[in-house]
C-alpha cells in the first residue's frame, strides 16, 4: 500500500486592492524631479508643495534620496530654507 502525498489546498486568490497612489507617483514637483523616491513620498510631496517654495521642495527631495524620512527632511528644509 503506497502512502499518499499530502498537498495543501490552494486558496482562491483575493482581488488586489486598488492603490491609493499612481504607479510611480508624480514625475516632478514644482520642477524638481522625484526619480529615486517612492510613489508614496512623491505623492505626499506633491500635496505638501502647495504650501512651500521650490527651494524647500528641492532640499526635501535631496534629503529623502539620501535616506531621510519625510518628516526629518521637512524639519531640515524648514531650518535651512524656511517656507
PDB file of N, CA and C in Angstrom:
ATOM      1  N   UNK A   1       0.840  -1.176   0.000  1.00  0.00           N
ATOM      2  CA  UNK A   1       0.000   0.000   0.000  1.00  0.00           C
ATOM      3  C   UNK A   1       0.891   1.247   0.000  1.00  0.00           C
ATOM      4  N   UNK A   2       0.726   2.099  -0.995  1.00  0.00           N
ATOM      5  CA  UNK A   2       1.545   3.295  -1.131  1.00  0.00           C
ATOM      6  C   UNK A   2       0.959   4.432  -0.301  1.00  0.00           C
ATOM      7  N   UNK A   3       1.853   5.224   0.260  1.00  0.00           N
ATOM      8  CA  UNK A   3       1.414   6.383   1.037  1.00  0.00           C
ATOM      9  C   UNK A   3       1.077   7.529   0.097  1.00  0.00           C
ATOM     10  N   UNK A   4      -0.030   8.186   0.371  1.00  0.00           N
ATOM     11  CA  UNK A   4      -0.416   9.336  -0.451  1.00  0.00           C
ATOM     12  C   UNK A   4       0.309  10.573   0.059  1.00  0.00           C
ATOM     13  N   UNK A   5       0.761  11.359  -0.884  1.00  0.00           N
ATOM     14  CA  UNK A   5       1.454  12.599  -0.552  1.00  0.00           C
ATOM     15  C   UNK A   5       0.432  13.665  -0.185  1.00  0.00           C
ATOM     16  N   UNK A   6       0.636  14.334   0.940  1.00  0.00           N
ATOM     17  CA  UNK A   6      -0.287  15.387   1.352  1.00  0.00           C
ATOM     18  C   UNK A   6       0.033  16.664   0.580  1.00  0.00           C
ATOM     19  N   UNK A   7      -0.977  17.286   0.054  1.00  0.00           N
ATOM     20  CA  UNK A   7      -0.799  18.558  -0.651  1.00  0.00           C
ATOM     21  C   UNK A   7      -1.702  19.597  -0.006  1.00  0.00           C
ATOM     22  N   UNK A   8      -1.233  20.802  -0.022  1.00  0.00           N
ATOM     23  CA  UNK A   8      -2.035  21.892   0.527  1.00  0.00           C
ATOM     24  C   UNK A   8      -3.090  22.290  -0.489  1.00  0.00           C
ATOM     25  N   UNK A   9      -4.266  22.549  -0.013  1.00  0.00           N
ATOM     26  CA  UNK A   9      -5.331  23.018  -0.895  1.00  0.00           C
ATOM     27  C   UNK A   9      -5.041  24.465  -1.270  1.00  0.00           C
ATOM     28  N   UNK A  10      -5.205  24.766  -2.532  1.00  0.00           N
ATOM     29  CA  UNK A  10      -4.952  26.131  -2.990  1.00  0.00           C
ATOM     30  C   UNK A  10      -6.120  27.026  -2.616  1.00  0.00           C
ATOM     31  N   UNK A  11      -5.791  28.198  -2.094  1.00  0.00           N
ATOM     32  CA  UNK A  11      -6.817  29.172  -1.736  1.00  0.00           C
ATOM     33  C   UNK A  11      -7.137  30.013  -2.964  1.00  0.00           C
ATOM     34  N   UNK A  12      -8.346  30.469  -3.036  1.00  0.00           N
ATOM     35  CA  UNK A  12      -8.739  31.352  -4.131  1.00  0.00           C
ATOM     36  C   UNK A  12      -8.016  32.682  -3.956  1.00  0.00           C
ATOM     37  N   UNK A  13      -7.495  33.218  -5.040  1.00  0.00           N
ATOM     38  CA  UNK A  13      -6.755  34.478  -4.988  1.00  0.00           C
ATOM     39  C   UNK A  13      -7.706  35.625  -4.682  1.00  0.00           C
ATOM     40  N   UNK A  14      -7.294  36.483  -3.747  1.00  0.00           N
ATOM     41  CA  UNK A  14      -8.095  37.651  -3.409  1.00  0.00           C
ATOM     42  C   UNK A  14      -7.799  38.752  -4.424  1.00  0.00           C
ATOM     43  N   UNK A  15      -8.805  39.494  -4.820  1.00  0.00           N
ATOM     44  CA  UNK A  15      -8.515  40.607  -5.741  1.00  0.00           C
ATOM     45  C   UNK A  15      -7.685  41.653  -5.017  1.00  0.00           C
ATOM     46  N   UNK A  16      -6.722  42.214  -5.710  1.00  0.00           N
ATOM     47  CA  UNK A  16      -5.846  43.218  -5.095  1.00  0.00           C
ATOM     48  C   UNK A  16      -6.602  44.526  -4.922  1.00  0.00           C
ATOM     49  N   UNK A  17      -6.373  45.154  -3.797  1.00  0.00           N
ATOM     50  CA  UNK A  17      -6.997  46.450  -3.535  1.00  0.00           C
ATOM     51  C   UNK A  17      -6.371  47.496  -4.449  1.00  0.00           C
ATOM     52  N   UNK A  18      -7.165  48.432  -4.886  1.00  0.00           N
ATOM     53  CA  UNK A  18      -6.629  49.495  -5.733  1.00  0.00           C
ATOM     54  C   UNK A  18      -5.690  50.358  -4.912  1.00  0.00           C
ATOM     55  N   UNK A  19      -4.567  50.684  -5.485  1.00  0.00           N
ATOM     56  CA  UNK A  19      -3.583  51.501  -4.795  1.00  0.00           C
ATOM     57  C   UNK A  19      -4.084  52.934  -4.688  1.00  0.00           C
ATOM     58  N   UNK A  20      -3.777  53.566  -3.579  1.00  0.00           N
ATOM     59  CA  UNK A  20      -4.142  54.968  -3.402  1.00  0.00           C
ATOM     60  C   UNK A  20      -3.209  55.872  -4.198  1.00  0.00           C
ATOM     61  N   UNK A  21      -2.097  55.330  -4.613  1.00  0.00           N
ATOM     62  CA  UNK A  21      -1.081  56.116  -5.283  1.00  0.00           C
ATOM     63  C   UNK A  21      -0.928  55.651  -6.720  1.00  0.00           C
ATOM     64  N   UNK A  22      -0.729  56.580  -7.620  1.00  0.00           N
ATOM     65  CA  UNK A  22      -0.488  56.222  -9.009  1.00  0.00           C
ATOM     66  C   UNK A  22       0.858  55.525  -9.097  1.00  0.00           C
ATOM     67  N   UNK A  23       0.992  54.641 -10.054  1.00  0.00           N
ATOM     68  CA  UNK A  23       2.249  53.927 -10.205  1.00  0.00           C
ATOM     69  C   UNK A  23       3.367  54.928 -10.469  1.00  0.00           C
ATOM     70  N   UNK A  24       4.357  54.928  -9.592  1.00  0.00           N
ATOM     71  CA  UNK A  24       5.499  55.810  -9.764  1.00  0.00           C
ATOM     72  C   UNK A  24       5.327  57.183  -9.132  1.00  0.00           C
ATOM     73  N   UNK A  25       4.119  57.621  -8.921  1.00  0.00           N
ATOM     74  CA  UNK A  25       3.898  58.939  -8.349  1.00  0.00           C
ATOM     75  C   UNK A  25       4.217  60.043  -9.343  1.00  0.00           C
ATOM     76  N   UNK A  26       4.109  61.273  -8.927  1.00  0.00           N
ATOM     77  CA  UNK A  26       4.407  62.391  -9.828  1.00  0.00           C
ATOM     78  C   UNK A  26       5.866  62.357 -10.284  1.00  0.00           C
ATOM     79  N   UNK A  27       6.113  62.692 -11.539  1.00  0.00           N
ATOM     80  CA  UNK A  27       7.467  62.677 -12.091  1.00  0.00           C
ATOM     81  C   UNK A  27       8.274  63.851 -11.552  1.00  0.00           C
ATOM     82  N   UNK A  28       7.625  64.985 -11.403  1.00  0.00           N
ATOM     83  CA  UNK A  28       8.313  66.129 -10.814  1.00  0.00           C
ATOM     84  C   UNK A  28       7.319  66.949 -10.006  1.00  0.00           C
ATOM     85  N   UNK A  29       7.854  67.641  -9.029  1.00  0.00           N
ATOM     86  CA  UNK A  29       7.049  68.511  -8.176  1.00  0.00           C
ATOM     87  C   UNK A  29       7.692  69.886  -8.212  1.00  0.00           C
ATOM     88  N   UNK A  30       6.941  70.875  -8.693  1.00  0.00           N
ATOM     89  CA  UNK A  30       7.449  72.243  -8.857  1.00  0.00           C
ATOM     90  C   UNK A  30       8.749  72.270  -9.653  1.00  0.00           C
ATOM     91  N   UNK A  31       8.855  71.392 -10.642  1.00  0.00           N
ATOM     92  CA  UNK A  31      10.041  71.353 -11.494  1.00  0.00           C
ATOM     93  C   UNK A  31      11.203  70.566 -10.921  1.00  0.00           C
ATOM     94  N   UNK A  32      11.033  69.967  -9.748  1.00  0.00           N
ATOM     95  CA  UNK A  32      12.089  69.178  -9.112  1.00  0.00           C
ATOM     96  C   UNK A  32      11.810  67.704  -9.402  1.00  0.00           C
ATOM     97  N   UNK A  33      12.726  66.995 -10.103  1.00  0.00           N
ATOM     98  CA  UNK A  33      12.475  65.583 -10.413  1.00  0.00           C
ATOM     99  C   UNK A  33      12.430  64.725  -9.151  1.00  0.00           C
ATOM    100  N   UNK A  34      11.460  63.809  -9.097  1.00  0.00           N
ATOM    101  CA  UNK A  34      11.293  62.962  -7.917  1.00  0.00           C
ATOM    102  C   UNK A  34      11.764  61.527  -8.167  1.00  0.00           C
ATOM    103  N   UNK A  35      12.531  61.326  -9.218  1.00  0.00           N
ATOM    104  CA  UNK A  35      13.048  59.986  -9.509  1.00  0.00           C
ATOM    105  C   UNK A  35      13.949  59.556  -8.344  1.00  0.00           C
ATOM    106  N   UNK A  36      13.741  58.361  -7.850  1.00  0.00           N
ATOM    107  CA  UNK A  36      14.521  57.886  -6.720  1.00  0.00           C
ATOM    108  C   UNK A  36      13.715  57.876  -5.431  1.00  0.00           C
ATOM    109  N   UNK A  37      12.538  58.507  -5.456  1.00  0.00           N
ATOM    110  CA  UNK A  37      11.649  58.489  -4.292  1.00  0.00           C
ATOM    111  C   UNK A  37      10.569  57.436  -4.519  1.00  0.00           C
ATOM    112  N   UNK A  38       9.964  56.976  -3.442  1.00  0.00           N
ATOM    113  CA  UNK A  38       8.856  56.039  -3.577  1.00  0.00           C
ATOM    114  C   UNK A  38       7.639  56.806  -4.081  1.00  0.00           C
ATOM    115  N   UNK A  39       6.669  56.084  -4.610  1.00  0.00           N
ATOM    116  CA  UNK A  39       5.472  56.754  -5.119  1.00  0.00           C
ATOM    117  C   UNK A  39       4.724  57.454  -3.989  1.00  0.00           C
ATOM    118  N   UNK A  40       4.775  56.875  -2.806  1.00  0.00           N
ATOM    119  CA  UNK A  40       4.101  57.493  -1.662  1.00  0.00           C
ATOM    120  C   UNK A  40       4.778  58.810  -1.289  1.00  0.00           C
ATOM    121  N   UNK A  41       6.118  58.823  -1.287  1.00  0.00           N
ATOM    122  CA  UNK A  41       6.843  60.057  -0.973  1.00  0.00           C
ATOM    123  C   UNK A  41       6.538  61.132  -2.008  1.00  0.00           C
ATOM    124  N   UNK A  42       6.542  60.737  -3.280  1.00  0.00           N
ATOM    125  CA  UNK A  42       6.313  61.701  -4.351  1.00  0.00           C
ATOM    126  C   UNK A  42       4.900  62.273  -4.297  1.00  0.00           C
ATOM    127  N   UNK A  43       3.920  61.423  -4.027  1.00  0.00           N
ATOM    128  CA  UNK A  43       2.535  61.882  -3.947  1.00  0.00           C
ATOM    129  C   UNK A  43       2.337  62.814  -2.760  1.00  0.00           C
ATOM    130  N   UNK A  44       2.922  62.453  -1.615  1.00  0.00           N
ATOM    131  CA  UNK A  44       2.808  63.287  -0.422  1.00  0.00           C
ATOM    132  C   UNK A  44       3.516  64.616  -0.648  1.00  0.00           C
ATOM    133  N   UNK A  45       4.637  64.582  -1.328  1.00  0.00           N
ATOM    134  CA  UNK A  45       5.390  65.795  -1.625  1.00  0.00           C
ATOM    135  C   UNK A  45       4.588  66.726  -2.535  1.00  0.00           C
ATOM    136  N   UNK A  46       3.844  66.143  -3.464  1.00  0.00           N
ATOM    137  CA  UNK A  46       3.015  66.933  -4.377  1.00  0.00           C
ATOM    138  C   UNK A  46       1.957  67.708  -3.582  1.00  0.00           C
ATOM    139  N   UNK A  47       1.320  67.040  -2.620  1.00  0.00           N
ATOM    140  CA  UNK A  47       0.316  67.720  -1.780  1.00  0.00           C
ATOM    141  C   UNK A  47       0.989  68.774  -0.895  1.00  0.00           C
ATOM    142  N   UNK A  48       2.161  68.454  -0.395  1.00  0.00           N
ATOM    143  CA  UNK A  48       2.930  69.317   0.502  1.00  0.00           C
ATOM    144  C   UNK A  48       3.425  70.574  -0.219  1.00  0.00           C
ATOM    145  N   UNK A  49       3.675  70.458  -1.519  1.00  0.00           N
ATOM    146  CA  UNK A  49       4.295  71.541  -2.287  1.00  0.00           C
ATOM    147  C   UNK A  49       3.413  72.779  -2.412  1.00  0.00           C
ATOM    148  N   UNK A  50       2.119  72.635  -2.187  1.00  0.00           N
ATOM    149  CA  UNK A  50       1.206  73.774  -2.289  1.00  0.00           C
ATOM    150  C   UNK A  50       1.587  74.859  -1.291  1.00  0.00           C
ATOM    151  N   UNK A  51       2.125  74.452  -0.148  1.00  0.00           N
ATOM    152  CA  UNK A  51       2.439  75.395   0.928  1.00  0.00           C
ATOM    153  C   UNK A  51       3.901  75.829   0.966  1.00  0.00           C
ATOM    154  N   UNK A  52       4.737  75.299   0.060  1.00  0.00           N
ATOM    155  CA  UNK A  52       6.168  75.566   0.154  1.00  0.00           C
ATOM    156  C   UNK A  52       6.794  75.952  -1.188  1.00  0.00           C
ATOM    157  N   UNK A  53       7.991  76.554  -1.095  1.00  0.00           N
ATOM    158  CA  UNK A  53       8.692  77.028  -2.280  1.00  0.00           C
ATOM    159  C   UNK A  53       9.433  75.883  -2.981  1.00  0.00           C
ATOM    160  N   UNK A  54       9.874  76.175  -4.200  1.00  0.00           N
ATOM    161  CA  UNK A  54      10.627  75.204  -4.978  1.00  0.00           C
ATOM    162  C   UNK A  54      11.934  74.850  -4.264  1.00  0.00           C
ATOM    163  N   UNK A  55      12.555  75.841  -3.647  1.00  0.00           N
ATOM    164  CA  UNK A  55      13.821  75.623  -2.940  1.00  0.00           C
ATOM    165  C   UNK A  55      13.626  74.661  -1.764  1.00  0.00           C
ATOM    166  N   UNK A  56      12.520  74.815  -1.048  1.00  0.00           N
ATOM    167  CA  UNK A  56      12.185  73.941   0.076  1.00  0.00           C
ATOM    168  C   UNK A  56      11.977  72.511  -0.428  1.00  0.00           C
ATOM    169  N   UNK A  57      11.230  72.374  -1.522  1.00  0.00           N
ATOM    170  CA  UNK A  57      10.937  71.047  -2.088  1.00  0.00           C
ATOM    171  C   UNK A  57      12.221  70.382  -2.563  1.00  0.00           C
ATOM    172  N   UNK A  58      13.099  71.145  -3.229  1.00  0.00           N
ATOM    173  CA  UNK A  58      14.364  70.597  -3.729  1.00  0.00           C
ATOM    174  C   UNK A  58      15.205  70.057  -2.580  1.00  0.00           C
ATOM    175  N   UNK A  59      15.272  70.809  -1.500  1.00  0.00           N
ATOM    176  CA  UNK A  59      16.060  70.379  -0.347  1.00  0.00           C
ATOM    177  C   UNK A  59      15.472  69.103   0.259  1.00  0.00           C
ATOM    178  N   UNK A  60      14.152  69.025   0.326  1.00  0.00           N
ATOM    179  CA  UNK A  60      13.495  67.832   0.863  1.00  0.00           C
ATOM    180  C   UNK A  60      13.770  66.606  -0.010  1.00  0.00           C
ATOM    181  N   UNK A  61      13.655  66.770  -1.312  1.00  0.00           N
ATOM    182  CA  UNK A  61      13.895  65.653  -2.242  1.00  0.00           C
ATOM    183  C   UNK A  61      15.322  65.151  -2.096  1.00  0.00           C
ATOM    184  N   UNK A  62      16.276  66.060  -2.038  1.00  0.00           N
ATOM    185  CA  UNK A  62      17.683  65.674  -1.888  1.00  0.00           C
ATOM    186  C   UNK A  62      17.900  64.886  -0.597  1.00  0.00           C
ATOM    187  N   UNK A  63      17.288  65.335   0.495  1.00  0.00           N
ATOM    188  CA  UNK A  63      17.434  64.656   1.784  1.00  0.00           C
ATOM    189  C   UNK A  63      16.785  63.270   1.754  1.00  0.00           C
ATOM    190  N   UNK A  64      15.615  63.170   1.137  1.00  0.00           N
ATOM    191  CA  UNK A  64      14.916  61.879   1.085  1.00  0.00           C
ATOM    192  C   UNK A  64      15.665  60.878   0.205  1.00  0.00           C
ATOM    193  N   UNK A  65      16.314  61.366  -0.842  1.00  0.00           N
ATOM    194  CA  UNK A  65      17.117  60.473  -1.693  1.00  0.00           C
ATOM    195  C   UNK A  65      18.309  59.916  -0.923  1.00  0.00           C
ATOM    196  N   UNK A  66      18.772  60.664   0.079  1.00  0.00           N
ATOM    197  CA  UNK A  66      19.890  60.202   0.905  1.00  0.00           C
ATOM    198  C   UNK A  66      19.426  59.321   2.052  1.00  0.00           C
ATOM    199  N   UNK A  67      18.097  59.130   2.190  1.00  0.00           N
ATOM    200  CA  UNK A  67      17.585  58.216   3.195  1.00  0.00           C
ATOM    201  C   UNK A  67      16.818  58.830   4.340  1.00  0.00           C
ATOM    202  N   UNK A  68      16.680  60.131   4.358  1.00  0.00           N
ATOM    203  CA  UNK A  68      15.936  60.784   5.439  1.00  0.00           C
ATOM    204  C   UNK A  68      14.435  60.551   5.259  1.00  0.00           C
ATOM    205  N   UNK A  69      13.715  60.541   6.357  1.00  0.00           N
ATOM    206  CA  UNK A  69      12.260  60.376   6.283  1.00  0.00           C
ATOM    207  C   UNK A  69      11.640  61.699   5.809  1.00  0.00           C
ATOM    208  N   UNK A  70      10.354  61.637   5.501  1.00  0.00           N
ATOM    209  CA  UNK A  70       9.651  62.832   5.049  1.00  0.00           C
ATOM    210  C   UNK A  70       9.680  63.911   6.127  1.00  0.00           C
ATOM    211  N   UNK A  71       9.359  63.518   7.360  1.00  0.00           N
ATOM    212  CA  UNK A  71       9.326  64.477   8.468  1.00  0.00           C
ATOM    213  C   UNK A  71      10.678  65.081   8.774  1.00  0.00           C
ATOM    214  N   UNK A  72      11.707  64.223   8.759  1.00  0.00           N
ATOM    215  CA  UNK A  72      13.064  64.710   9.055  1.00  0.00           C
ATOM    216  C   UNK A  72      13.547  65.657   7.962  1.00  0.00           C
ATOM    217  N   UNK A  73      13.263  65.326   6.704  1.00  0.00           N
ATOM    218  CA  UNK A  73      13.705  66.199   5.619  1.00  0.00           C
ATOM    219  C   UNK A  73      12.944  67.523   5.645  1.00  0.00           C
ATOM    220  N   UNK A  74      11.691  67.501   6.073  1.00  0.00           N
ATOM    221  CA  UNK A  74      10.909  68.732   6.173  1.00  0.00           C
ATOM    222  C   UNK A  74      11.480  69.653   7.255  1.00  0.00           C
ATOM    223  N   UNK A  75      11.790  69.077   8.412  1.00  0.00           N
ATOM    224  CA  UNK A  75      12.359  69.879   9.505  1.00  0.00           C
ATOM    225  C   UNK A  75      13.678  70.511   9.090  1.00  0.00           C
ATOM    226  N   UNK A  76      14.509  69.730   8.407  1.00  0.00           N
ATOM    227  CA  UNK A  76      15.807  70.226   7.961  1.00  0.00           C
ATOM    228  C   UNK A  76      15.630  71.361   6.945  1.00  0.00           C
ATOM    229  N   UNK A  77      14.696  71.170   6.009  1.00  0.00           N
ATOM    230  CA  UNK A  77      14.446  72.199   5.000  1.00  0.00           C
ATOM    231  C   UNK A  77      13.871  73.465   5.634  1.00  0.00           C
ATOM    232  N   UNK A  78      13.029  73.311   6.635  1.00  0.00           N
ATOM    233  CA  UNK A  78      12.468  74.468   7.327  1.00  0.00           C
ATOM    234  C   UNK A  78      13.568  75.283   8.006  1.00  0.00           C
ATOM    235  N   UNK A  79      14.537  74.599   8.620  1.00  0.00           N
ATOM    236  CA  UNK A  79      15.632  75.284   9.307  1.00  0.00           C
ATOM    237  C   UNK A  79      16.537  76.023   8.320  1.00  0.00           C
ATOM    238  N   UNK A  80      16.901  75.345   7.223  1.00  0.00           N
ATOM    239  CA  UNK A  80      17.875  75.927   6.286  1.00  0.00           C
ATOM    240  C   UNK A  80      17.271  76.909   5.305  1.00  0.00           C
ATOM    241  N   UNK A  81      16.085  76.603   4.770  1.00  0.00           N
ATOM    242  CA  UNK A  81      15.495  77.415   3.717  1.00  0.00           C
ATOM    243  C   UNK A  81      14.319  78.229   4.207  1.00  0.00           C
ATOM    244  N   UNK A  82      13.561  77.664   5.107  1.00  0.00           N
ATOM    245  CA  UNK A  82      12.317  78.304   5.526  1.00  0.00           C
ATOM    246  C   UNK A  82      11.183  77.780   4.679  1.00  0.00           C
ATOM    247  N   UNK A  83      10.157  78.573   4.549  1.00  0.00           N
ATOM    248  CA  UNK A  83       8.985  78.116   3.814  1.00  0.00           C
ATOM    249  C   UNK A  83       9.201  78.299   2.335  1.00  0.00           C
TER     250      UNK A  83
END
